C-alpha cells in the first residue's frame, strides 16, 4: 500500500514538470499586439469662483414661514384680516378635519369642549379659543357641537369669514 501511494504521488508530480514554452510564446504574442501607451489626462477646466454675498437674506431653498407671508400680504385699510402678532394656540397646527369633539365639561356656567387631535392628544377649549389652520375662533360651545368662525384669504389681500361646525363624535359601539 505504501508503495502504491508513493508511485501515485510521483505520477502526479511528474505532471508539474511539463513544457510550458507554448504558454510563454502566446504571452509574448499578446504583449507584442497590445499597445502600452496610456492616453494623457485631459486638461482641467479653470474653476470660476462665485462670491455669495446674500447671507443676510432668506435662503431661496427654504419656504418662508406662514407668519412672514401674512405680514407681507397687502392689506387694505378697511379690510378684515387676522392679527399676525397673536400667539398661536396648540390646536392651530391641525386642520379642522383632523379634530374631533369628544365631550363637554361644565364648570360655573362655562361649558368646555373636549377636542381630540389627530395625534391622539385631548385638549379643553371654550369660547374664544383658536383652532384650525385658518385662524378659527370658537364662537359657541354646545352639548353636541361647537361653532367656529374661520378667516379665509380671498386672494386680493383681504379675508372673509366662514362658519364651521365640529359635531360630537359617537363612540364605536361593539355589539
Protein backbone atom coordinates (compact mmCIF):
# COMPACT_ATOMS: atom_id res chain seq x y z
CA UNK A 1 0.00 0.00 0.00
CA UNK A 2 2.82 2.31 0.89
CA UNK A 3 4.49 1.72 -2.49
CA UNK A 4 1.30 2.43 -4.37
CA UNK A 5 0.88 5.83 -2.63
CA UNK A 6 4.47 6.77 -3.45
CA UNK A 7 4.03 5.68 -7.09
CA UNK A 8 0.79 7.67 -7.40
CA UNK A 9 2.38 10.80 -5.91
CA UNK A 10 5.35 10.51 -8.32
CA UNK A 11 2.97 10.30 -11.26
CA UNK A 12 1.07 13.37 -10.08
CA UNK A 13 4.26 15.36 -9.52
CA UNK A 14 5.62 14.41 -12.92
CA UNK A 15 2.69 16.31 -14.49
CA UNK A 16 4.02 19.52 -12.91
CA UNK A 17 7.26 19.43 -14.93
CA UNK A 18 5.57 19.78 -18.27
CA UNK A 19 6.90 22.03 -21.00
CA UNK A 20 5.22 25.48 -20.88
CA UNK A 21 7.04 27.09 -23.80
CA UNK A 22 3.79 27.35 -25.80
CA UNK A 23 2.26 29.41 -22.98
CA UNK A 24 5.27 31.75 -22.96
CA UNK A 25 5.03 32.14 -26.76
CA UNK A 26 1.32 33.10 -26.52
CA UNK A 27 2.04 35.65 -23.76
CA UNK A 28 4.80 37.22 -25.89
CA UNK A 29 2.40 37.46 -28.87
CA UNK A 30 -0.29 39.21 -26.76
CA UNK A 31 2.26 41.63 -25.28
CA UNK A 32 3.51 42.50 -28.77
CA UNK A 33 -0.02 43.24 -30.10
CA UNK A 34 -1.18 45.28 -27.08
CA UNK A 35 -0.33 48.98 -27.13
CA UNK A 36 1.36 50.12 -23.96
CA UNK A 37 0.67 53.85 -24.35
CA UNK A 38 -1.82 55.45 -21.98
CA UNK A 39 -3.78 58.45 -23.17
CA UNK A 40 -2.79 61.65 -21.38
CA UNK A 41 -5.11 63.06 -18.72
CA UNK A 42 -7.39 65.76 -20.13
CA UNK A 43 -6.63 69.32 -19.07
CA UNK A 44 -8.60 70.60 -16.08
CA UNK A 45 -11.05 73.39 -16.70
CA UNK A 46 -10.39 76.51 -14.72
CA UNK A 47 -12.71 76.94 -11.72
CA UNK A 48 -14.58 80.24 -11.63
CA UNK A 49 -15.13 81.31 -8.03
CA UNK A 50 -18.54 82.84 -7.18
CA UNK A 51 -18.73 85.02 -4.10
CA UNK A 52 -22.14 84.55 -2.40
CA UNK A 53 -22.87 87.78 -0.57
CA UNK A 54 -26.57 87.36 0.34
CA UNK A 55 -26.09 85.67 3.70
CA UNK A 56 -28.44 88.09 5.45
CA UNK A 57 -31.33 87.36 3.06
CA UNK A 58 -33.74 84.43 3.28
CA UNK A 59 -32.47 81.23 1.67
CA UNK A 60 -34.22 80.56 -1.66
CA UNK A 61 -34.27 76.84 -0.82
CA UNK A 62 -36.35 77.17 2.35
CA UNK A 63 -40.06 78.00 2.24
CA UNK A 64 -40.99 81.20 4.08
CA UNK A 65 -42.86 80.91 7.37
CA UNK A 66 -46.65 81.42 7.13
CA UNK A 67 -46.40 84.38 9.53
CA UNK A 68 -43.97 86.11 7.17
CA UNK A 69 -46.33 85.60 4.25
CA UNK A 70 -49.24 87.05 6.19
CA UNK A 71 -47.26 90.13 7.21
CA UNK A 72 -46.09 90.74 3.64
CA UNK A 73 -49.54 90.44 2.10
CA UNK A 74 -51.00 93.72 1.01
CA UNK A 75 -53.80 94.60 3.38
CA UNK A 76 -56.35 97.21 2.56
CA UNK A 77 -57.17 99.72 5.29
CA UNK A 78 -60.86 98.79 5.71
CA UNK A 79 -60.37 95.06 5.16
CA UNK A 80 -60.85 92.13 7.54
CA UNK A 81 -57.58 90.34 8.41
CA UNK A 82 -56.17 88.18 11.23
CA UNK A 83 -53.75 89.54 13.80
CA UNK A 84 -50.29 88.29 12.71
CA UNK A 85 -48.82 89.12 16.14
CA UNK A 86 -51.29 86.94 18.07
CA UNK A 87 -49.64 83.96 19.76
CA UNK A 88 -50.72 80.66 18.18
CA UNK A 89 -52.53 78.08 20.30
CA UNK A 90 -51.71 74.33 20.22
CA UNK A 91 -54.72 73.30 18.11
CA UNK A 92 -53.87 75.76 15.33
CA UNK A 93 -51.37 73.32 13.82
CA UNK A 94 -54.16 70.87 12.92
CA UNK A 95 -56.70 71.11 10.11
CA UNK A 96 -60.32 71.29 11.29
CA UNK A 97 -60.96 67.94 9.57
CA UNK A 98 -58.38 66.33 11.89
CA UNK A 99 -60.12 67.50 15.08
CA UNK A 100 -62.97 65.62 16.79
CA UNK A 101 -65.24 66.74 19.62
CA UNK A 102 -65.14 64.04 22.29
CA UNK A 103 -67.28 65.54 25.03
CA UNK A 104 -68.07 68.55 27.22
CA UNK A 105 -67.36 69.69 30.75
CA UNK A 106 -69.36 72.25 32.74
CA UNK A 107 -67.94 74.47 35.42
CA UNK A 108 -69.68 77.50 37.00
CA UNK A 109 -71.70 78.36 33.90
CA UNK A 110 -68.79 77.79 31.50
CA UNK A 111 -69.02 74.89 29.07
CA UNK A 112 -65.72 73.43 27.93
CA UNK A 113 -65.46 71.20 24.87
CA UNK A 114 -63.00 68.32 24.75
CA UNK A 115 -61.24 68.19 21.39
CA UNK A 116 -59.18 65.19 20.29
CA UNK A 117 -56.46 65.99 17.75
CA UNK A 118 -55.11 63.62 15.10
CA UNK A 119 -52.05 62.92 17.28
CA UNK A 120 -54.42 61.44 19.96
CA UNK A 121 -53.99 64.33 22.39
CA UNK A 122 -57.02 65.73 24.23
CA UNK A 123 -57.49 69.49 24.60
CA UNK A 124 -60.00 71.56 26.59
CA UNK A 125 -61.37 74.59 24.70
CA UNK A 126 -64.06 77.21 25.27
CA UNK A 127 -65.48 80.30 23.59
CA UNK A 128 -62.62 82.46 22.29
CA UNK A 129 -60.13 79.59 21.85
CA UNK A 130 -58.43 79.28 18.48
CA UNK A 131 -58.06 76.13 16.39
CA UNK A 132 -57.55 75.04 12.80
CA UNK A 133 -55.21 76.30 10.11
CA UNK A 134 -57.29 79.36 9.17
CA UNK A 135 -57.37 81.37 12.42
CA UNK A 136 -60.56 79.60 13.54
CA UNK A 137 -62.06 81.12 16.70
CA UNK A 138 -64.73 79.30 18.72
CA UNK A 139 -67.89 81.41 18.99
CA UNK A 140 -70.25 78.90 20.62
CA UNK A 141 -69.86 75.70 22.63
CA UNK A 142 -72.90 73.46 22.91
CA UNK A 143 -73.52 70.00 24.32
CA UNK A 144 -73.39 68.38 20.86
CA UNK A 145 -71.30 70.76 18.72
CA UNK A 146 -69.00 73.76 18.64
CA UNK A 147 -69.23 76.60 16.14
CA UNK A 148 -66.05 78.10 14.73
CA UNK A 149 -65.54 81.22 12.60
CA UNK A 150 -62.52 80.92 10.31
CA UNK A 151 -60.78 83.66 8.32
CA UNK A 152 -60.16 82.50 4.75
CA UNK A 153 -57.93 84.59 2.42
CA UNK A 154 -59.79 85.83 -0.66
CA UNK A 155 -56.65 86.22 -2.79
CA UNK A 156 -56.84 90.01 -3.00
CA UNK A 157 -55.24 90.76 0.36
CA UNK A 158 -58.45 90.59 2.36
CA UNK A 159 -60.04 87.80 4.36
CA UNK A 160 -63.61 86.51 4.56
CA UNK A 161 -65.32 84.78 7.47
CA UNK A 162 -66.54 81.21 7.16
CA UNK A 163 -68.55 79.40 9.80
CA UNK A 164 -67.65 75.77 10.51
CA UNK A 165 -69.13 73.27 12.93
CA UNK A 166 -67.47 70.37 14.73
CA UNK A 167 -70.06 67.88 15.98
CA UNK A 168 -69.78 65.35 18.77
CA UNK A 169 -68.25 62.05 17.65
CA UNK A 170 -70.28 58.99 18.62
CA UNK A 171 -68.05 56.28 20.14
CA UNK A 172 -67.94 52.97 18.28
CA UNK A 173 -70.42 50.56 19.82
CA UNK A 174 -69.31 46.94 19.93
CA UNK A 175 -72.05 44.53 19.77
